Structures are given as structure tokens and as C-alpha cells.
Amino acid sequence: MKIPARSVSLLVCLAASCFVQAQTPAGKATSPEVLKIDFATLDKDANGKLSKQEVQPVADLEGVFDSLDTDHNGSITSAEFSRWSRAGKTTPTPRDPATAPSGSAGAQHMPKAN
């Protein structure tokens, strides 16, 4: 009886997976790295701070929002965010003046008055 190589590979992978799971203590993740989230990913309005609305999609961050907000101003700065266990990069997104909603951004593209 011939067994295709693909089937043998699948069985070996399955057996190895079962062995690794058996060696991992209950309640412990197999990956040493927990999924990190960057500050800039959550800071949708790029104002350098996170509101309760911006962190709402991340349940465990929403749950510790008040404890991370050490100055109790209703928002989390990048420094406060860095104390969260899943904090990735804490650098806020720099504001691009060309995308400002008001001011002279874009005035350079307007035709000059004669």
C-alpha cells in the first residue's frame, strides 16, 4: 500500500502539533509574543491621544482605560498607553499639515488673483 507524500507530511505535522500541545501547560499560550497593538493604529484622528471611542474595539484596553488614564482627563497619551501590557509602538502619528482641515494647506494650489 502506497501512502502519498502529502498525506505523510500532514500526519507528521498533526502528530507534532499534538505533542507541542501536550507539552504546553494549561492556560499558557504557545506563542511567547502576545499580539501587540500600536498607538497610531488606534489613534484614528491622529491627535496624539486615545479617546474611549477609539479604544472601544479593543475590549481589554477599554477595560483598563481608566487605570491607564493617570491624569484623569478622559484620554490616554502615548506615555500612558506604553504602560498597557499589549502596547506596541507608542509613537503617535505625526500630523501632516497638508491634510489639515482648515488653514492655508492647499492655498499654494489655488490660482493667483490678477
N, C-alpha and C. Protein backbone atom coordinates (compact mmCIF):
# COMPACT_ATOMS: atom_id res chain seq x y z
N MET A 1 0.84 -1.16 0.00
CA MET A 1 0.00 0.00 0.00
C MET A 1 0.89 1.23 0.00
N LYS A 2 0.67 2.12 -0.98
CA LYS A 2 1.45 3.35 -1.07
C LYS A 2 0.66 4.49 -0.41
N ILE A 3 1.37 5.27 0.40
CA ILE A 3 0.77 6.45 1.01
C ILE A 3 1.41 7.66 0.36
N PRO A 4 0.62 8.57 -0.19
CA PRO A 4 1.18 9.75 -0.83
C PRO A 4 2.00 10.58 0.17
N ALA A 5 3.04 11.21 -0.35
CA ALA A 5 3.94 12.02 0.48
C ALA A 5 3.18 13.14 1.19
N ARG A 6 2.19 13.69 0.52
CA ARG A 6 1.41 14.79 1.12
C ARG A 6 0.69 14.29 2.37
N SER A 7 0.15 13.09 2.34
CA SER A 7 -0.55 12.53 3.49
C SER A 7 0.41 12.27 4.64
N VAL A 8 1.59 11.78 4.32
CA VAL A 8 2.60 11.52 5.35
C VAL A 8 2.99 12.84 6.02
N SER A 9 3.20 13.88 5.22
CA SER A 9 3.57 15.19 5.77
C SER A 9 2.48 15.72 6.68
N LEU A 10 1.24 15.55 6.27
CA LEU A 10 0.12 16.01 7.07
C LEU A 10 0.06 15.27 8.40
N LEU A 11 0.27 13.98 8.38
CA LEU A 11 0.25 13.18 9.60
C LEU A 11 1.39 13.58 10.55
N VAL A 12 2.56 13.83 9.99
CA VAL A 12 3.71 14.24 10.81
C VAL A 12 3.42 15.59 11.48
N CYS A 13 2.87 16.53 10.70
CA CYS A 13 2.54 17.85 11.26
C CYS A 13 1.49 17.73 12.36
N LEU A 14 0.49 16.92 12.13
CA LEU A 14 -0.57 16.73 13.11
C LEU A 14 -0.01 16.12 14.39
N ALA A 15 0.84 15.13 14.26
CA ALA A 15 1.45 14.49 15.42
C ALA A 15 2.32 15.48 16.19
N ALA A 16 3.08 16.30 15.47
CA ALA A 16 3.94 17.29 16.12
C ALA A 16 3.10 18.32 16.85
N SER A 17 1.99 18.72 16.25
CA SER A 17 1.10 19.69 16.88
C SER A 17 0.52 19.13 18.18
N CYS A 18 0.11 17.88 18.15
CA CYS A 18 -0.42 17.24 19.36
C CYS A 18 0.65 17.15 20.44
N PHE A 19 1.86 16.86 20.05
CA PHE A 19 2.96 16.76 21.01
C PHE A 19 3.22 18.12 21.66
N VAL A 20 3.26 19.18 20.88
CA VAL A 20 3.51 20.52 21.42
C VAL A 20 2.39 20.92 22.36
N GLN A 21 1.13 20.65 22.00
CA GLN A 21 0.01 21.00 22.86
C GLN A 21 0.07 20.21 24.16
N ALA A 22 0.51 18.97 24.11
CA ALA A 22 0.61 18.15 25.31
C ALA A 22 1.70 18.68 26.23
N GLN A 23 2.74 19.28 25.68
CA GLN A 23 3.86 19.80 26.47
C GLN A 23 3.58 21.19 27.05
N THR A 24 2.58 21.89 26.52
CA THR A 24 2.27 23.24 26.96
C THR A 24 1.35 23.18 28.16
N PRO A 25 1.72 23.82 29.29
CA PRO A 25 0.84 23.81 30.46
C PRO A 25 -0.50 24.48 30.15
N ALA A 26 -1.54 24.02 30.82
CA ALA A 26 -2.88 24.57 30.59
C ALA A 26 -2.90 26.05 30.92
N GLY A 27 -3.55 26.82 30.06
CA GLY A 27 -3.68 28.25 30.28
C GLY A 27 -2.52 29.07 29.75
N LYS A 28 -1.49 28.44 29.25
CA LYS A 28 -0.34 29.16 28.72
C LYS A 28 -0.44 29.21 27.21
N ALA A 29 -0.09 30.34 26.63
CA ALA A 29 -0.10 30.48 25.17
C ALA A 29 1.12 29.79 24.59
N THR A 30 0.99 29.23 23.40
CA THR A 30 2.13 28.58 22.77
C THR A 30 3.10 29.59 22.19
N SER A 31 2.61 30.82 21.93
CA SER A 31 3.46 31.87 21.38
C SER A 31 3.95 32.75 22.51
N PRO A 32 5.27 33.02 22.57
CA PRO A 32 5.78 33.86 23.65
C PRO A 32 5.38 35.33 23.47
N GLU A 33 5.01 35.70 22.27
CA GLU A 33 4.65 37.08 21.95
C GLU A 33 3.13 37.23 21.90
N VAL A 34 2.60 38.09 22.74
CA VAL A 34 1.18 38.40 22.70
C VAL A 34 0.98 39.45 21.61
N LEU A 35 -0.16 39.41 20.96
CA LEU A 35 -0.43 40.34 19.87
C LEU A 35 -0.34 41.78 20.39
N LYS A 36 0.59 42.54 19.86
CA LYS A 36 0.81 43.93 20.25
C LYS A 36 0.01 44.84 19.34
N ILE A 37 -0.42 45.97 19.88
CA ILE A 37 -1.17 46.96 19.12
C ILE A 37 -0.43 48.29 19.21
N ASP A 38 -0.22 48.92 18.07
CA ASP A 38 0.48 50.20 18.03
C ASP A 38 -0.47 51.35 18.35
N PHE A 39 0.07 52.37 19.02
CA PHE A 39 -0.70 53.55 19.38
C PHE A 39 -1.32 54.20 18.14
N ALA A 40 -0.53 54.35 17.09
CA ALA A 40 -1.01 55.03 15.87
C ALA A 40 -2.16 54.28 15.21
N THR A 41 -2.23 52.98 15.38
CA THR A 41 -3.32 52.19 14.81
C THR A 41 -4.66 52.57 15.45
N LEU A 42 -4.64 52.86 16.73
CA LEU A 42 -5.87 53.19 17.44
C LEU A 42 -6.21 54.68 17.36
N ASP A 43 -5.21 55.52 17.20
CA ASP A 43 -5.42 56.98 17.18
C ASP A 43 -5.95 57.40 15.82
N LYS A 44 -7.24 57.16 15.60
CA LYS A 44 -7.87 57.38 14.29
C LYS A 44 -7.83 58.84 13.84
N ASP A 45 -8.00 59.78 14.77
CA ASP A 45 -8.00 61.19 14.39
C ASP A 45 -6.61 61.82 14.47
N ALA A 46 -5.60 61.02 14.79
CA ALA A 46 -4.19 61.45 14.82
C ALA A 46 -3.98 62.71 15.65
N ASN A 47 -4.65 62.77 16.81
CA ASN A 47 -4.48 63.93 17.67
C ASN A 47 -3.49 63.68 18.81
N GLY A 48 -2.86 62.51 18.81
CA GLY A 48 -1.84 62.20 19.82
C GLY A 48 -2.39 61.68 21.12
N LYS A 49 -3.68 61.37 21.17
CA LYS A 49 -4.28 60.79 22.36
C LYS A 49 -5.43 59.88 21.96
N LEU A 50 -5.74 58.94 22.84
CA LEU A 50 -6.80 57.97 22.56
C LEU A 50 -8.02 58.28 23.41
N SER A 51 -9.17 58.36 22.77
CA SER A 51 -10.42 58.57 23.48
C SER A 51 -11.04 57.20 23.79
N LYS A 52 -12.07 57.21 24.62
CA LYS A 52 -12.77 55.96 24.92
C LYS A 52 -13.40 55.37 23.66
N GLN A 53 -13.84 56.22 22.73
CA GLN A 53 -14.43 55.73 21.49
C GLN A 53 -13.37 55.05 20.62
N GLU A 54 -12.15 55.56 20.62
CA GLU A 54 -11.10 54.98 19.79
C GLU A 54 -10.64 53.63 20.31
N VAL A 55 -10.69 53.41 21.62
CA VAL A 55 -10.23 52.13 22.17
C VAL A 55 -11.35 51.11 22.31
N GLN A 56 -12.59 51.50 22.01
CA GLN A 56 -13.73 50.62 22.16
C GLN A 56 -13.59 49.28 21.44
N PRO A 57 -12.99 49.22 20.22
CA PRO A 57 -12.87 47.91 19.56
C PRO A 57 -11.93 46.92 20.26
N VAL A 58 -11.09 47.40 21.18
CA VAL A 58 -10.14 46.53 21.88
C VAL A 58 -10.63 46.37 23.31
N ALA A 59 -11.34 45.28 23.57
CA ALA A 59 -12.03 45.08 24.85
C ALA A 59 -11.10 45.16 26.05
N ASP A 60 -9.92 44.53 25.98
CA ASP A 60 -9.06 44.54 27.17
C ASP A 60 -8.44 45.92 27.41
N LEU A 61 -8.27 46.73 26.39
CA LEU A 61 -7.79 48.11 26.58
C LEU A 61 -8.92 48.98 27.12
N GLU A 62 -10.11 48.76 26.63
CA GLU A 62 -11.27 49.52 27.12
C GLU A 62 -11.49 49.23 28.61
N GLY A 63 -11.22 47.99 29.01
CA GLY A 63 -11.41 47.60 30.41
C GLY A 63 -10.43 48.26 31.37
N VAL A 64 -9.25 48.62 30.90
CA VAL A 64 -8.24 49.25 31.77
C VAL A 64 -8.04 50.73 31.44
N PHE A 65 -8.94 51.29 30.63
CA PHE A 65 -8.81 52.67 30.19
C PHE A 65 -8.64 53.62 31.37
N ASP A 66 -9.53 53.54 32.35
CA ASP A 66 -9.50 54.47 33.48
C ASP A 66 -8.23 54.33 34.31
N SER A 67 -7.71 53.12 34.44
CA SER A 67 -6.47 52.96 35.22
C SER A 67 -5.25 53.46 34.45
N LEU A 68 -5.27 53.39 33.12
CA LEU A 68 -4.16 53.93 32.33
C LEU A 68 -4.21 55.45 32.24
N ASP A 69 -5.40 56.02 32.30
CA ASP A 69 -5.58 57.47 32.23
C ASP A 69 -5.22 58.08 33.59
N THR A 70 -3.92 58.20 33.85
CA THR A 70 -3.45 58.62 35.17
C THR A 70 -3.77 60.07 35.50
N ASP A 71 -3.90 60.93 34.50
CA ASP A 71 -4.24 62.33 34.79
C ASP A 71 -5.75 62.56 34.75
N HIS A 72 -6.52 61.51 34.51
CA HIS A 72 -8.00 61.53 34.54
C HIS A 72 -8.60 62.64 33.68
N ASN A 73 -8.05 62.80 32.46
CA ASN A 73 -8.57 63.82 31.55
C ASN A 73 -9.46 63.22 30.47
N GLY A 74 -9.75 61.92 30.56
CA GLY A 74 -10.65 61.29 29.60
C GLY A 74 -9.97 60.79 28.33
N SER A 75 -8.63 60.85 28.28
CA SER A 75 -7.91 60.34 27.12
C SER A 75 -6.59 59.73 27.58
N ILE A 76 -6.04 58.87 26.72
CA ILE A 76 -4.77 58.20 27.02
C ILE A 76 -3.71 58.74 26.08
N THR A 77 -2.62 59.25 26.64
CA THR A 77 -1.49 59.71 25.84
C THR A 77 -0.61 58.52 25.49
N SER A 78 0.36 58.74 24.62
CA SER A 78 1.26 57.64 24.24
C SER A 78 2.07 57.16 25.45
N ALA A 79 2.41 58.07 26.36
CA ALA A 79 3.15 57.66 27.57
C ALA A 79 2.27 56.78 28.46
N GLU A 80 1.01 57.14 28.62
CA GLU A 80 0.09 56.32 29.42
C GLU A 80 -0.17 54.98 28.72
N PHE A 81 -0.31 55.02 27.41
CA PHE A 81 -0.54 53.80 26.61
C PHE A 81 0.61 52.81 26.77
N SER A 82 1.84 53.32 26.90
CA SER A 82 3.02 52.44 26.99
C SER A 82 2.99 51.54 28.22
N ARG A 83 2.19 51.85 29.22
CA ARG A 83 2.09 51.01 30.42
C ARG A 83 1.15 49.83 30.23
N TRP A 84 0.41 49.80 29.12
CA TRP A 84 -0.50 48.69 28.83
C TRP A 84 0.30 47.47 28.42
N SER A 85 -0.11 46.29 28.85
CA SER A 85 0.64 45.06 28.58
C SER A 85 0.75 44.71 27.10
N ARG A 86 -0.20 45.14 26.28
CA ARG A 86 -0.17 44.80 24.85
C ARG A 86 0.28 45.97 23.98
N ALA A 87 0.86 46.98 24.59
CA ALA A 87 1.29 48.16 23.83
C ALA A 87 2.43 47.80 22.90
N GLY A 88 2.26 48.16 21.64
CA GLY A 88 3.32 48.01 20.65
C GLY A 88 4.09 49.31 20.57
N LYS A 89 4.24 49.82 19.37
CA LYS A 89 4.92 51.11 19.19
C LYS A 89 4.04 52.20 19.78
N THR A 90 4.68 53.08 20.55
CA THR A 90 3.91 54.12 21.23
C THR A 90 4.06 55.49 20.57
N THR A 91 4.72 55.55 19.44
CA THR A 91 4.91 56.81 18.75
C THR A 91 3.61 57.22 18.07
N PRO A 92 3.08 58.42 18.41
CA PRO A 92 1.87 58.86 17.72
C PRO A 92 2.14 59.19 16.27
N THR A 93 1.11 59.17 15.45
CA THR A 93 1.24 59.51 14.04
C THR A 93 1.49 61.01 13.93
N PRO A 94 2.56 61.42 13.25
CA PRO A 94 2.80 62.86 13.10
C PRO A 94 1.72 63.49 12.22
N ARG A 95 1.31 64.68 12.59
CA ARG A 95 0.31 65.38 11.80
C ARG A 95 0.94 65.92 10.53
N ASP A 96 0.25 65.76 9.43
CA ASP A 96 0.70 66.27 8.14
C ASP A 96 -0.05 67.56 7.87
N PRO A 97 0.63 68.71 7.87
CA PRO A 97 -0.07 69.97 7.67
C PRO A 97 -0.80 70.05 6.34
N ALA A 98 -0.39 69.27 5.37
CA ALA A 98 -1.05 69.30 4.06
C ALA A 98 -2.45 68.70 4.11
N THR A 99 -2.72 67.91 5.16
CA THR A 99 -4.03 67.30 5.27
C THR A 99 -4.90 67.99 6.30
N ALA A 100 -4.47 69.15 6.78
CA ALA A 100 -5.25 69.89 7.77
C ALA A 100 -6.60 70.29 7.20
N PRO A 101 -7.64 70.25 8.03
CA PRO A 101 -8.97 70.57 7.52
C PRO A 101 -9.19 72.05 7.27
N SER A 102 -8.33 72.90 7.79
CA SER A 102 -8.51 74.33 7.58
C SER A 102 -7.14 74.99 7.46
N GLY A 103 -7.13 76.27 7.29
CA GLY A 103 -5.86 76.99 7.20
C GLY A 103 -5.44 77.14 5.76
N SER A 104 -4.17 77.36 5.56
CA SER A 104 -3.68 77.63 4.21
C SER A 104 -3.19 76.38 3.50
N ALA A 105 -3.39 75.21 4.09
CA ALA A 105 -2.96 73.99 3.42
C ALA A 105 -3.72 73.85 2.11
N GLY A 106 -3.08 73.97 1.04
CA GLY A 106 -3.72 73.87 -0.26
C GLY A 106 -3.83 75.22 -0.94
N ALA A 107 -3.57 76.30 -0.20
CA ALA A 107 -3.65 77.64 -0.79
C ALA A 107 -2.62 77.79 -1.90
N GLN A 108 -1.52 77.07 -1.80
CA GLN A 108 -0.49 77.15 -2.83
C GLN A 108 -0.97 76.57 -4.16
N HIS A 109 -2.07 75.84 -4.14
CA HIS A 109 -2.58 75.25 -5.37
C HIS A 109 -3.72 76.08 -5.99
N MET A 110 -4.09 77.14 -5.37
CA MET A 110 -5.16 78.00 -5.88
C MET A 110 -4.60 78.94 -6.95
N PRO A 111 -5.39 79.24 -7.95
CA PRO A 111 -4.90 80.19 -8.98
C PRO A 111 -4.69 81.56 -8.36
N LYS A 112 -3.67 82.23 -8.81
CA LYS A 112 -3.34 83.56 -8.28
C LYS A 112 -4.29 84.59 -8.87
N ALA A 113 -4.67 85.53 -8.03
CA ALA A 113 -5.55 86.63 -8.49
C ALA A 113 -4.73 87.59 -9.31
N ASN A 114 -5.26 88.09 -10.41
CA ASN A 114 -4.54 89.05 -11.26
C ASN A 114 -4.85 90.45 -10.89
